[in-house]
Amino acid sequence: MAFTNLENKEINCKVLYLGAKGAGKTTNFESIYKYSDQKLFGDGDRSEPPPTKFFEFIPISLGYVQDFHVKLHLYTLPASNIYETVFTVLLKGIDGFVFVFDSRLSAMHENISHWNNMKELMSKEGVNMVTLPRVLQYNKRDHPEAVSLEVLRQELNRGRQEDIEASAIDSIGTMETVQMVAKQVLDKLSQV
């Protein structure tokens, strides 16, 4: 649920980037950071996002809605059971998520396993994935071992959720993913 700060006239929305280890969450963040307003980080000379230990974070301004500054707070964390507690904390008040799938055939089992694990964790924490804004991203589309889009959709997106192809290392599809999830979050905010 978006956090509204009436004093500062801000609406802060939380979006998690999820996916198996090596799927490309950090590479997505590197691409997003590269193309976002770096002044948000305080140090305009920085060419890389600041390192964090437990999770990665990027705030993105979405502009103004009725005099309120709307910000999208993007988070990702390592795919490890060690960080499950951090994940449950980050799930509190979630407004949407992006699930990053590795398009390589060799990663299919890990994709499915992590996808099922995330659904279970969200359910356990009382998060209804069906009503949550979400985008499924098929990353590493440039890899020679990439599975066809039809197979990925059949195996990973049977519910026909909004999805996109990407190659985060080349910054293809990364900002489009942010735009897709931001639009869904804004649409949901306007219904409240």
N, C-alpha and C. Protein backbone atom coordinates (compact mmCIF):
# COMPACT_ATOMS: atom_id res chain seq x y z
N MET A 1 0.84 -1.17 0.00
CA MET A 1 0.00 0.00 0.00
C MET A 1 0.89 1.23 0.00
N ALA A 2 0.62 2.17 -0.89
CA ALA A 2 1.41 3.39 -1.02
C ALA A 2 1.38 4.18 0.28
N PHE A 3 2.55 4.75 0.63
CA PHE A 3 2.66 5.56 1.82
C PHE A 3 2.54 7.02 1.42
N THR A 4 1.57 7.72 2.00
CA THR A 4 1.35 9.12 1.69
C THR A 4 1.86 9.98 2.84
N ASN A 5 2.76 10.90 2.51
CA ASN A 5 3.28 11.87 3.47
C ASN A 5 2.59 13.19 3.18
N LEU A 6 1.57 13.52 3.98
CA LEU A 6 0.77 14.73 3.75
C LEU A 6 1.59 16.00 3.97
N GLU A 7 2.51 15.96 4.93
CA GLU A 7 3.33 17.14 5.22
C GLU A 7 4.20 17.52 4.03
N ASN A 8 4.84 16.54 3.42
CA ASN A 8 5.72 16.79 2.27
C ASN A 8 5.00 16.68 0.93
N LYS A 9 3.73 16.29 0.98
CA LYS A 9 2.93 16.07 -0.24
C LYS A 9 3.62 15.07 -1.17
N GLU A 10 3.92 13.89 -0.62
CA GLU A 10 4.56 12.82 -1.38
C GLU A 10 3.76 11.54 -1.26
N ILE A 11 3.75 10.78 -2.33
CA ILE A 11 3.20 9.43 -2.32
C ILE A 11 4.33 8.51 -2.73
N ASN A 12 4.69 7.59 -1.83
CA ASN A 12 5.79 6.66 -2.08
C ASN A 12 5.24 5.27 -2.31
N CYS A 13 5.57 4.69 -3.46
CA CYS A 13 5.10 3.36 -3.84
C CYS A 13 6.29 2.40 -3.87
N LYS A 14 6.09 1.19 -3.37
CA LYS A 14 7.16 0.19 -3.28
C LYS A 14 6.95 -0.91 -4.31
N VAL A 15 8.00 -1.14 -5.12
CA VAL A 15 7.98 -2.20 -6.13
C VAL A 15 9.22 -3.07 -5.92
N LEU A 16 9.00 -4.37 -5.80
CA LEU A 16 10.10 -5.31 -5.63
C LEU A 16 10.46 -5.96 -6.96
N TYR A 17 11.74 -6.11 -7.20
CA TYR A 17 12.25 -6.89 -8.32
C TYR A 17 12.63 -8.24 -7.75
N LEU A 18 12.02 -9.29 -8.27
CA LEU A 18 12.22 -10.65 -7.77
C LEU A 18 12.78 -11.52 -8.89
N GLY A 19 13.34 -12.65 -8.52
CA GLY A 19 13.84 -13.60 -9.51
C GLY A 19 14.94 -14.44 -8.92
N ALA A 20 15.24 -15.52 -9.59
CA ALA A 20 16.28 -16.44 -9.14
C ALA A 20 17.65 -15.78 -9.23
N LYS A 21 18.60 -16.34 -8.50
CA LYS A 21 19.97 -15.85 -8.55
C LYS A 21 20.48 -15.92 -9.99
N GLY A 22 21.06 -14.82 -10.44
CA GLY A 22 21.63 -14.77 -11.78
C GLY A 22 20.64 -14.43 -12.88
N ALA A 23 19.38 -14.17 -12.53
CA ALA A 23 18.37 -13.86 -13.55
C ALA A 23 18.58 -12.48 -14.16
N GLY A 24 19.20 -11.56 -13.41
CA GLY A 24 19.49 -10.25 -13.96
C GLY A 24 18.86 -9.08 -13.21
N LYS A 25 18.49 -9.28 -11.96
CA LYS A 25 17.89 -8.20 -11.18
C LYS A 25 18.89 -7.05 -10.99
N THR A 26 20.11 -7.37 -10.59
CA THR A 26 21.13 -6.33 -10.38
C THR A 26 21.48 -5.65 -11.70
N THR A 27 21.56 -6.40 -12.77
CA THR A 27 21.86 -5.81 -14.08
C THR A 27 20.73 -4.89 -14.51
N ASN A 28 19.48 -5.25 -14.21
CA ASN A 28 18.35 -4.35 -14.45
C ASN A 28 18.56 -3.05 -13.70
N PHE A 29 18.93 -3.15 -12.42
CA PHE A 29 19.12 -1.95 -11.60
C PHE A 29 20.26 -1.09 -12.12
N GLU A 30 21.33 -1.72 -12.59
CA GLU A 30 22.44 -0.95 -13.16
C GLU A 30 21.97 -0.18 -14.39
N SER A 31 21.15 -0.81 -15.22
CA SER A 31 20.61 -0.15 -16.41
C SER A 31 19.65 0.97 -16.02
N ILE A 32 18.76 0.71 -15.07
CA ILE A 32 17.79 1.73 -14.62
C ILE A 32 18.53 2.91 -14.03
N TYR A 33 19.53 2.64 -13.22
CA TYR A 33 20.32 3.70 -12.59
C TYR A 33 20.97 4.57 -13.65
N LYS A 34 21.52 3.92 -14.66
CA LYS A 34 22.21 4.61 -15.74
C LYS A 34 21.28 5.60 -16.46
N TYR A 35 20.01 5.24 -16.60
CA TYR A 35 19.07 6.06 -17.36
C TYR A 35 18.13 6.89 -16.50
N SER A 36 18.26 6.80 -15.16
CA SER A 36 17.37 7.58 -14.29
C SER A 36 18.07 8.85 -13.84
N ASP A 37 17.34 9.69 -13.14
CA ASP A 37 17.85 10.96 -12.65
C ASP A 37 18.83 10.71 -11.50
N GLN A 38 20.12 10.83 -11.79
CA GLN A 38 21.13 10.50 -10.78
C GLN A 38 21.17 11.48 -9.63
N LYS A 39 20.54 12.64 -9.76
CA LYS A 39 20.51 13.60 -8.66
C LYS A 39 19.76 13.03 -7.45
N LEU A 40 18.91 12.04 -7.68
CA LEU A 40 18.18 11.42 -6.58
C LEU A 40 19.12 10.76 -5.57
N PHE A 41 20.34 10.46 -6.00
CA PHE A 41 21.28 9.75 -5.13
C PHE A 41 22.20 10.70 -4.38
N GLY A 42 22.12 11.99 -4.66
CA GLY A 42 22.90 12.97 -3.92
C GLY A 42 24.26 13.26 -4.52
N ASP A 43 24.91 12.31 -5.14
CA ASP A 43 26.24 12.49 -5.70
C ASP A 43 26.16 12.37 -7.21
N GLY A 44 26.13 13.49 -7.90
CA GLY A 44 25.99 13.50 -9.35
C GLY A 44 27.18 12.93 -10.09
N ASP A 45 28.35 12.78 -9.42
CA ASP A 45 29.54 12.27 -10.09
C ASP A 45 29.60 10.75 -10.07
N ARG A 46 28.73 10.12 -9.33
CA ARG A 46 28.75 8.66 -9.19
C ARG A 46 28.32 8.01 -10.50
N SER A 47 29.06 6.99 -10.95
CA SER A 47 28.70 6.31 -12.19
C SER A 47 28.09 4.94 -11.94
N GLU A 48 28.04 4.53 -10.68
CA GLU A 48 27.45 3.25 -10.33
C GLU A 48 26.52 3.45 -9.14
N PRO A 49 25.49 2.61 -9.02
CA PRO A 49 24.63 2.74 -7.85
C PRO A 49 25.42 2.42 -6.59
N PRO A 50 25.07 3.08 -5.47
CA PRO A 50 25.79 2.78 -4.25
C PRO A 50 25.59 1.34 -3.82
N PRO A 51 26.66 0.67 -3.36
CA PRO A 51 26.50 -0.73 -2.96
C PRO A 51 25.70 -0.83 -1.66
N THR A 52 24.91 -1.88 -1.55
CA THR A 52 24.17 -2.14 -0.32
C THR A 52 24.38 -3.60 0.05
N LYS A 53 24.23 -3.89 1.33
CA LYS A 53 24.53 -5.23 1.79
C LYS A 53 23.35 -6.19 1.64
N PHE A 54 22.16 -5.77 2.07
CA PHE A 54 21.03 -6.68 2.10
C PHE A 54 20.08 -6.53 0.92
N PHE A 55 20.02 -5.36 0.32
CA PHE A 55 19.14 -5.15 -0.82
C PHE A 55 19.65 -3.98 -1.64
N GLU A 56 19.10 -3.84 -2.84
CA GLU A 56 19.42 -2.69 -3.68
C GLU A 56 18.18 -1.82 -3.75
N PHE A 57 18.38 -0.52 -3.91
CA PHE A 57 17.28 0.43 -3.86
C PHE A 57 17.52 1.56 -4.86
N ILE A 58 16.49 1.89 -5.62
CA ILE A 58 16.52 3.05 -6.51
C ILE A 58 15.18 3.77 -6.39
N PRO A 59 15.20 5.07 -6.02
CA PRO A 59 13.96 5.86 -6.05
C PRO A 59 13.82 6.52 -7.42
N ILE A 60 12.61 6.49 -7.95
CA ILE A 60 12.35 7.11 -9.25
C ILE A 60 11.15 8.03 -9.12
N SER A 61 11.29 9.25 -9.61
CA SER A 61 10.19 10.19 -9.58
C SER A 61 9.25 9.92 -10.75
N LEU A 62 7.95 9.84 -10.45
CA LEU A 62 6.96 9.66 -11.51
C LEU A 62 6.23 10.96 -11.83
N GLY A 63 6.64 12.05 -11.17
CA GLY A 63 6.00 13.34 -11.42
C GLY A 63 4.96 13.64 -10.35
N TYR A 64 4.01 14.48 -10.73
CA TYR A 64 3.01 14.96 -9.76
C TYR A 64 1.60 14.54 -10.16
N VAL A 65 0.82 14.18 -9.15
CA VAL A 65 -0.59 13.89 -9.32
C VAL A 65 -1.33 14.71 -8.26
N GLN A 66 -2.13 15.65 -8.72
CA GLN A 66 -2.89 16.53 -7.82
C GLN A 66 -2.02 17.10 -6.71
N ASP A 67 -0.93 17.76 -7.08
CA ASP A 67 0.00 18.43 -6.15
C ASP A 67 0.81 17.47 -5.28
N PHE A 68 0.70 16.18 -5.48
CA PHE A 68 1.50 15.22 -4.73
C PHE A 68 2.61 14.66 -5.62
N HIS A 69 3.83 14.66 -5.09
CA HIS A 69 4.97 14.08 -5.80
C HIS A 69 4.91 12.57 -5.63
N VAL A 70 4.80 11.85 -6.73
CA VAL A 70 4.71 10.39 -6.68
C VAL A 70 6.09 9.79 -6.97
N LYS A 71 6.54 8.94 -6.06
CA LYS A 71 7.84 8.29 -6.22
C LYS A 71 7.66 6.78 -6.22
N LEU A 72 8.42 6.14 -7.07
CA LEU A 72 8.45 4.69 -7.14
C LEU A 72 9.75 4.25 -6.48
N HIS A 73 9.67 3.47 -5.42
CA HIS A 73 10.85 2.95 -4.75
C HIS A 73 11.06 1.52 -5.20
N LEU A 74 12.12 1.30 -5.97
CA LEU A 74 12.44 -0.03 -6.50
C LEU A 74 13.44 -0.72 -5.57
N TYR A 75 13.13 -1.96 -5.23
CA TYR A 75 14.00 -2.76 -4.35
C TYR A 75 14.27 -4.12 -5.00
N THR A 76 15.45 -4.63 -4.75
CA THR A 76 15.75 -6.02 -5.04
C THR A 76 16.68 -6.52 -3.95
N LEU A 77 16.70 -7.82 -3.77
CA LEU A 77 17.60 -8.41 -2.79
C LEU A 77 18.10 -9.75 -3.32
N PRO A 78 19.23 -10.22 -2.80
CA PRO A 78 19.76 -11.49 -3.27
C PRO A 78 18.76 -12.63 -3.06
N ALA A 79 18.75 -13.56 -3.98
CA ALA A 79 17.86 -14.72 -3.90
C ALA A 79 18.52 -15.77 -3.03
N SER A 80 18.32 -15.63 -1.73
CA SER A 80 18.94 -16.56 -0.78
C SER A 80 18.04 -16.69 0.44
N ASN A 81 17.97 -17.87 1.00
CA ASN A 81 17.17 -18.08 2.21
C ASN A 81 17.68 -17.26 3.39
N ILE A 82 18.96 -16.89 3.35
CA ILE A 82 19.54 -16.08 4.42
C ILE A 82 18.78 -14.76 4.54
N TYR A 83 18.29 -14.25 3.39
CA TYR A 83 17.64 -12.95 3.36
C TYR A 83 16.12 -13.03 3.44
N GLU A 84 15.57 -14.17 3.81
CA GLU A 84 14.12 -14.33 3.85
C GLU A 84 13.48 -13.33 4.81
N THR A 85 14.13 -13.05 5.93
CA THR A 85 13.59 -12.08 6.89
C THR A 85 13.55 -10.69 6.26
N VAL A 86 14.62 -10.31 5.56
CA VAL A 86 14.64 -9.01 4.88
C VAL A 86 13.53 -8.96 3.84
N PHE A 87 13.32 -10.06 3.13
CA PHE A 87 12.27 -10.13 2.12
C PHE A 87 10.89 -9.91 2.75
N THR A 88 10.63 -10.55 3.88
CA THR A 88 9.32 -10.39 4.51
C THR A 88 9.11 -8.95 4.98
N VAL A 89 10.18 -8.28 5.40
CA VAL A 89 10.08 -6.86 5.78
C VAL A 89 9.78 -6.02 4.54
N LEU A 90 10.49 -6.30 3.44
CA LEU A 90 10.26 -5.54 2.21
C LEU A 90 8.86 -5.77 1.64
N LEU A 91 8.29 -6.94 1.90
CA LEU A 91 6.94 -7.23 1.41
C LEU A 91 5.87 -6.36 2.05
N LYS A 92 6.14 -5.86 3.25
CA LYS A 92 5.16 -5.04 3.95
C LYS A 92 4.88 -3.78 3.12
N GLY A 93 3.63 -3.58 2.76
CA GLY A 93 3.24 -2.39 2.02
C GLY A 93 3.65 -2.39 0.55
N ILE A 94 3.89 -3.56 -0.01
CA ILE A 94 4.28 -3.66 -1.42
C ILE A 94 3.14 -3.17 -2.33
N ASP A 95 3.52 -2.41 -3.36
CA ASP A 95 2.54 -1.88 -4.31
C ASP A 95 2.61 -2.57 -5.67
N GLY A 96 3.64 -3.37 -5.89
CA GLY A 96 3.78 -4.07 -7.16
C GLY A 96 5.10 -4.82 -7.18
N PHE A 97 5.26 -5.63 -8.23
CA PHE A 97 6.53 -6.36 -8.37
C PHE A 97 6.83 -6.64 -9.82
N VAL A 98 8.12 -6.86 -10.06
CA VAL A 98 8.62 -7.31 -11.36
C VAL A 98 9.32 -8.63 -11.08
N PHE A 99 8.94 -9.67 -11.81
CA PHE A 99 9.65 -10.94 -11.66
C PHE A 99 10.53 -11.11 -12.88
N VAL A 100 11.84 -11.21 -12.65
CA VAL A 100 12.83 -11.33 -13.72
C VAL A 100 13.14 -12.81 -13.93
N PHE A 101 12.82 -13.30 -15.11
CA PHE A 101 13.13 -14.69 -15.48
C PHE A 101 14.35 -14.70 -16.38
N ASP A 102 15.20 -15.68 -16.19
CA ASP A 102 16.35 -15.93 -17.05
C ASP A 102 15.84 -16.76 -18.23
N SER A 103 16.00 -16.27 -19.45
CA SER A 103 15.45 -16.92 -20.65
C SER A 103 16.18 -18.18 -21.09
N ARG A 104 17.31 -18.47 -20.48
CA ARG A 104 18.10 -19.63 -20.92
C ARG A 104 17.44 -20.94 -20.51
N LEU A 105 17.53 -21.92 -21.38
CA LEU A 105 16.97 -23.24 -21.11
C LEU A 105 17.53 -23.82 -19.81
N SER A 106 18.82 -23.65 -19.58
CA SER A 106 19.46 -24.20 -18.38
C SER A 106 18.92 -23.57 -17.08
N ALA A 107 18.26 -22.42 -17.18
CA ALA A 107 17.73 -21.73 -15.99
C ALA A 107 16.25 -22.02 -15.75
N MET A 108 15.60 -22.78 -16.63
CA MET A 108 14.16 -22.98 -16.54
C MET A 108 13.74 -23.59 -15.19
N HIS A 109 14.43 -24.63 -14.75
CA HIS A 109 14.07 -25.26 -13.48
C HIS A 109 14.18 -24.26 -12.33
N GLU A 110 15.28 -23.50 -12.29
CA GLU A 110 15.49 -22.50 -11.23
C GLU A 110 14.43 -21.40 -11.30
N ASN A 111 14.06 -20.97 -12.51
CA ASN A 111 12.99 -19.98 -12.68
C ASN A 111 11.69 -20.47 -12.03
N ILE A 112 11.28 -21.67 -12.40
CA ILE A 112 10.02 -22.23 -11.90
C ILE A 112 10.07 -22.41 -10.39
N SER A 113 11.18 -22.92 -9.89
CA SER A 113 11.33 -23.13 -8.45
C SER A 113 11.23 -21.81 -7.69
N HIS A 114 11.94 -20.80 -8.15
CA HIS A 114 11.93 -19.51 -7.46
C HIS A 114 10.56 -18.82 -7.58
N TRP A 115 9.93 -18.93 -8.74
CA TRP A 115 8.59 -18.36 -8.95
C TRP A 115 7.60 -18.97 -7.96
N ASN A 116 7.62 -20.31 -7.84
CA ASN A 116 6.74 -20.98 -6.89
C ASN A 116 7.06 -20.60 -5.44
N ASN A 117 8.34 -20.46 -5.13
CA ASN A 117 8.76 -20.07 -3.79
C ASN A 117 8.26 -18.65 -3.46
N MET A 118 8.35 -17.74 -4.41
CA MET A 118 7.89 -16.36 -4.19
C MET A 118 6.37 -16.33 -3.98
N LYS A 119 5.64 -17.13 -4.77
CA LYS A 119 4.19 -17.18 -4.59
C LYS A 119 3.84 -17.69 -3.19
N GLU A 120 4.56 -18.70 -2.74
CA GLU A 120 4.32 -19.27 -1.41
C GLU A 120 4.64 -18.25 -0.31
N LEU A 121 5.79 -17.57 -0.43
CA LEU A 121 6.17 -16.57 0.57
C LEU A 121 5.17 -15.41 0.62
N MET A 122 4.74 -14.95 -0.55
CA MET A 122 3.78 -13.85 -0.59
C MET A 122 2.45 -14.27 0.04
N SER A 123 2.01 -15.47 -0.28
CA SER A 123 0.77 -15.98 0.30
C SER A 123 0.89 -16.08 1.82
N LYS A 124 2.01 -16.59 2.28
CA LYS A 124 2.27 -16.73 3.72
C LYS A 124 2.24 -15.37 4.43
N GLU A 125 2.67 -14.32 3.72
CA GLU A 125 2.70 -12.97 4.30
C GLU A 125 1.40 -12.20 4.06
N GLY A 126 0.41 -12.87 3.43
CA GLY A 126 -0.89 -12.24 3.21
C GLY A 126 -0.94 -11.30 2.01
N VAL A 127 0.00 -11.44 1.10
CA VAL A 127 0.03 -10.60 -0.10
C VAL A 127 -0.74 -11.31 -1.21
N ASN A 128 -1.74 -10.63 -1.77
CA ASN A 128 -2.54 -11.20 -2.86
C ASN A 128 -1.91 -10.83 -4.20
N MET A 129 -1.18 -11.78 -4.79
CA MET A 129 -0.49 -11.53 -6.06
C MET A 129 -1.44 -11.21 -7.20
N VAL A 130 -2.66 -11.72 -7.13
CA VAL A 130 -3.62 -11.55 -8.23
C VAL A 130 -4.01 -10.09 -8.41
N THR A 131 -4.13 -9.36 -7.30
CA THR A 131 -4.57 -7.96 -7.38
C THR A 131 -3.40 -6.98 -7.42
N LEU A 132 -2.19 -7.48 -7.29
CA LEU A 132 -1.01 -6.63 -7.23
C LEU A 132 -0.50 -6.29 -8.64
N PRO A 133 -0.18 -5.01 -8.91
CA PRO A 133 0.45 -4.68 -10.19
C PRO A 133 1.73 -5.50 -10.35
N ARG A 134 1.92 -6.06 -11.54
CA ARG A 134 3.08 -6.92 -11.74
C ARG A 134 3.44 -7.00 -13.22
N VAL A 135 4.73 -7.21 -13.47
CA VAL A 135 5.24 -7.40 -14.82
C VAL A 135 6.21 -8.58 -14.76
N LEU A 136 6.09 -9.48 -15.71
CA LEU A 136 7.03 -10.58 -15.85
C LEU A 136 8.02 -10.19 -16.95
N GLN A 137 9.30 -10.22 -16.61
CA GLN A 137 10.33 -9.85 -17.57
C GLN A 137 11.14 -11.08 -17.95
N TYR A 138 11.25 -11.34 -19.24
CA TYR A 138 12.08 -12.44 -19.74
C TYR A 138 13.42 -11.84 -20.14
N ASN A 139 14.40 -11.96 -19.27
CA ASN A 139 15.71 -11.35 -19.47
C ASN A 139 16.63 -12.30 -20.24
N LYS A 140 17.73 -11.77 -20.69
CA LYS A 140 18.77 -12.52 -21.42
C LYS A 140 18.25 -13.04 -22.76
N ARG A 141 17.40 -12.26 -23.41
CA ARG A 141 16.85 -12.66 -24.71
C ARG A 141 17.94 -12.71 -25.79
N ASP A 142 19.07 -12.07 -25.54
CA ASP A 142 20.18 -12.05 -26.49
C ASP A 142 21.06 -13.30 -26.40
N HIS A 143 20.84 -14.13 -25.40
CA HIS A 143 21.69 -15.31 -25.17
C HIS A 143 21.37 -16.40 -26.21
N PRO A 144 22.41 -17.08 -26.73
CA PRO A 144 22.17 -18.13 -27.73
C PRO A 144 21.31 -19.28 -27.22
N GLU A 145 21.28 -19.48 -25.90
CA GLU A 145 20.51 -20.57 -25.31
C GLU A 145 19.08 -20.13 -24.93
N ALA A 146 18.69 -18.92 -25.31
CA ALA A 146 17.37 -18.40 -24.93
C ALA A 146 16.25 -19.24 -25.54
N VAL A 147 15.28 -19.57 -24.72
CA VAL A 147 14.10 -20.34 -25.13
C VAL A 147 13.16 -19.39 -25.87
N SER A 148 12.35 -19.92 -26.76
CA SER A 148 11.41 -19.07 -27.50
C SER A 148 10.42 -18.40 -26.54
N LEU A 149 9.93 -17.25 -26.95
CA LEU A 149 8.97 -16.51 -26.15
C LEU A 149 7.71 -17.33 -25.90
N GLU A 150 7.27 -18.10 -26.89
CA GLU A 150 6.08 -18.92 -26.74
C GLU A 150 6.24 -19.96 -25.63
N VAL A 151 7.41 -20.59 -25.58
CA VAL A 151 7.68 -21.60 -24.54
C VAL A 151 7.73 -20.93 -23.17
N LEU A 152 8.40 -19.77 -23.07
CA LEU A 152 8.47 -19.06 -21.79
C LEU A 152 7.08 -18.71 -21.29
N ARG A 153 6.25 -18.21 -22.18
CA ARG A 153 4.89 -17.84 -21.78
C ARG A 153 4.09 -19.08 -21.36
N GLN A 154 4.26 -20.17 -22.07
CA GLN A 154 3.54 -21.40 -21.74
C GLN A 154 3.96 -21.94 -20.38
N GLU A 155 5.25 -21.88 -20.08
CA GLU A 155 5.77 -22.44 -18.83
C GLU A 155 5.66 -21.49 -17.64
N LEU A 156 5.80 -20.19 -17.89
CA LEU A 156 5.93 -19.23 -16.78
C LEU A 156 4.79 -18.22 -16.66
N ASN A 157 3.97 -18.12 -17.69
CA ASN A 157 2.95 -17.07 -17.68
C ASN A 157 1.62 -17.60 -18.19
N ARG A 158 1.14 -18.64 -17.58
CA ARG A 158 -0.12 -19.24 -18.02
C ARG A 158 -1.31 -18.32 -17.80
N GLY A 159 -1.19 -17.40 -16.83
CA GLY A 159 -2.27 -16.46 -16.55
C GLY A 159 -2.26 -15.25 -17.46
N ARG A 160 -1.34 -15.21 -18.40
CA ARG A 160 -1.22 -14.12 -19.36
C ARG A 160 -1.12 -12.75 -18.68
N GLN A 161 -0.22 -12.69 -17.70
CA GLN A 161 0.06 -11.42 -17.05
C GLN A 161 0.90 -10.57 -18.00
N GLU A 162 0.95 -9.27 -17.73
CA GLU A 162 1.72 -8.39 -18.59
C GLU A 162 3.19 -8.81 -18.54
N ASP A 163 3.81 -8.95 -19.72
CA ASP A 163 5.19 -9.40 -19.77
C ASP A 163 5.97 -8.63 -20.82
N ILE A 164 7.30 -8.78 -20.77
CA ILE A 164 8.18 -8.05 -21.68
C ILE A 164 9.48 -8.82 -21.86
N GLU A 165 10.05 -8.71 -23.03
CA GLU A 165 11.36 -9.28 -23.31
C GLU A 165 12.43 -8.24 -22.97
N ALA A 166 13.60 -8.71 -22.51
CA ALA A 166 14.67 -7.78 -22.14
C ALA A 166 16.04 -8.40 -22.31
N SER A 167 17.01 -7.52 -22.43
CA SER A 167 18.42 -7.88 -22.34
C SER A 167 19.04 -6.79 -21.48
N ALA A 168 18.98 -7.00 -20.17
CA ALA A 168 19.39 -5.96 -19.22
C ALA A 168 20.83 -5.52 -19.42
N ILE A 169 21.68 -6.44 -19.81
CA ILE A 169 23.10 -6.10 -19.99
C ILE A 169 23.27 -5.07 -21.11
N ASP A 170 22.33 -5.05 -22.06
CA ASP A 170 22.34 -4.08 -23.16
C ASP A 170 21.33 -2.95 -22.94
N SER A 171 20.73 -2.91 -21.76
CA SER A 171 19.71 -1.91 -21.41
C SER A 171 18.51 -1.94 -22.35
N ILE A 172 18.17 -3.14 -22.82
CA ILE A 172 16.99 -3.31 -23.68
C ILE A 172 15.85 -3.84 -22.81
N GLY A 173 14.77 -3.10 -22.75
CA GLY A 173 13.58 -3.53 -22.02
C GLY A 173 13.57 -3.17 -20.54
N THR A 174 14.66 -2.61 -20.04
CA THR A 174 14.71 -2.32 -18.60
C THR A 174 13.85 -1.13 -18.21
N MET A 175 14.01 -0.02 -18.92
CA MET A 175 13.19 1.16 -18.61
C MET A 175 11.73 0.92 -19.01
N GLU A 176 11.52 0.14 -20.06
CA GLU A 176 10.15 -0.20 -20.46
C GLU A 176 9.45 -1.01 -19.37
N THR A 177 10.22 -1.88 -18.70
CA THR A 177 9.67 -2.66 -17.58
C THR A 177 9.23 -1.73 -16.46
N VAL A 178 10.08 -0.75 -16.13
CA VAL A 178 9.74 0.22 -15.09
C VAL A 178 8.47 0.98 -15.49
N GLN A 179 8.40 1.40 -16.75
CA GLN A 179 7.22 2.14 -17.22
C GLN A 179 5.96 1.30 -17.12
N MET A 180 6.05 0.03 -17.46
CA MET A 180 4.88 -0.85 -17.40
C MET A 180 4.37 -1.01 -15.97
N VAL A 181 5.28 -1.28 -15.03
CA VAL A 181 4.84 -1.48 -13.65
C VAL A 181 4.39 -0.15 -13.04
N ALA A 182 5.05 0.95 -13.40
CA ALA A 182 4.65 2.27 -12.89
C ALA A 182 3.24 2.62 -13.34
N LYS A 183 2.93 2.34 -14.60
CA LYS A 183 1.58 2.63 -15.12
C LYS A 183 0.53 1.84 -14.33
N GLN A 184 0.81 0.56 -14.08
CA GLN A 184 -0.13 -0.26 -13.31
C GLN A 184 -0.32 0.27 -11.89
N VAL A 185 0.80 0.68 -11.26
CA VAL A 185 0.73 1.21 -9.89
C VAL A 185 -0.08 2.50 -9.88
N LEU A 186 0.17 3.39 -10.84
CA LEU A 186 -0.56 4.65 -10.92
C LEU A 186 -2.05 4.41 -11.19
N ASP A 187 -2.35 3.46 -12.06
CA ASP A 187 -3.75 3.12 -12.34
C ASP A 187 -4.45 2.66 -11.08
N LYS A 188 -3.75 1.83 -10.30
CA LYS A 188 -4.35 1.32 -9.06
C LYS A 188 -4.53 2.45 -8.04
N LEU A 189 -3.56 3.36 -7.97
CA LEU A 189 -3.68 4.51 -7.07
C LEU A 189 -4.88 5.38 -7.43
N SER A 190 -5.13 5.55 -8.71
CA SER A 190 -6.24 6.40 -9.14
C SER A 190 -7.59 5.81 -8.81
N GLN A 191 -7.64 4.51 -8.55
CA GLN A 191 -8.90 3.84 -8.19
C GLN A 191 -9.24 3.99 -6.71
N VAL A 192 -8.25 4.42 -5.92
CA VAL A 192 -8.45 4.52 -4.47
C VAL A 192 -9.21 5.78 -4.12
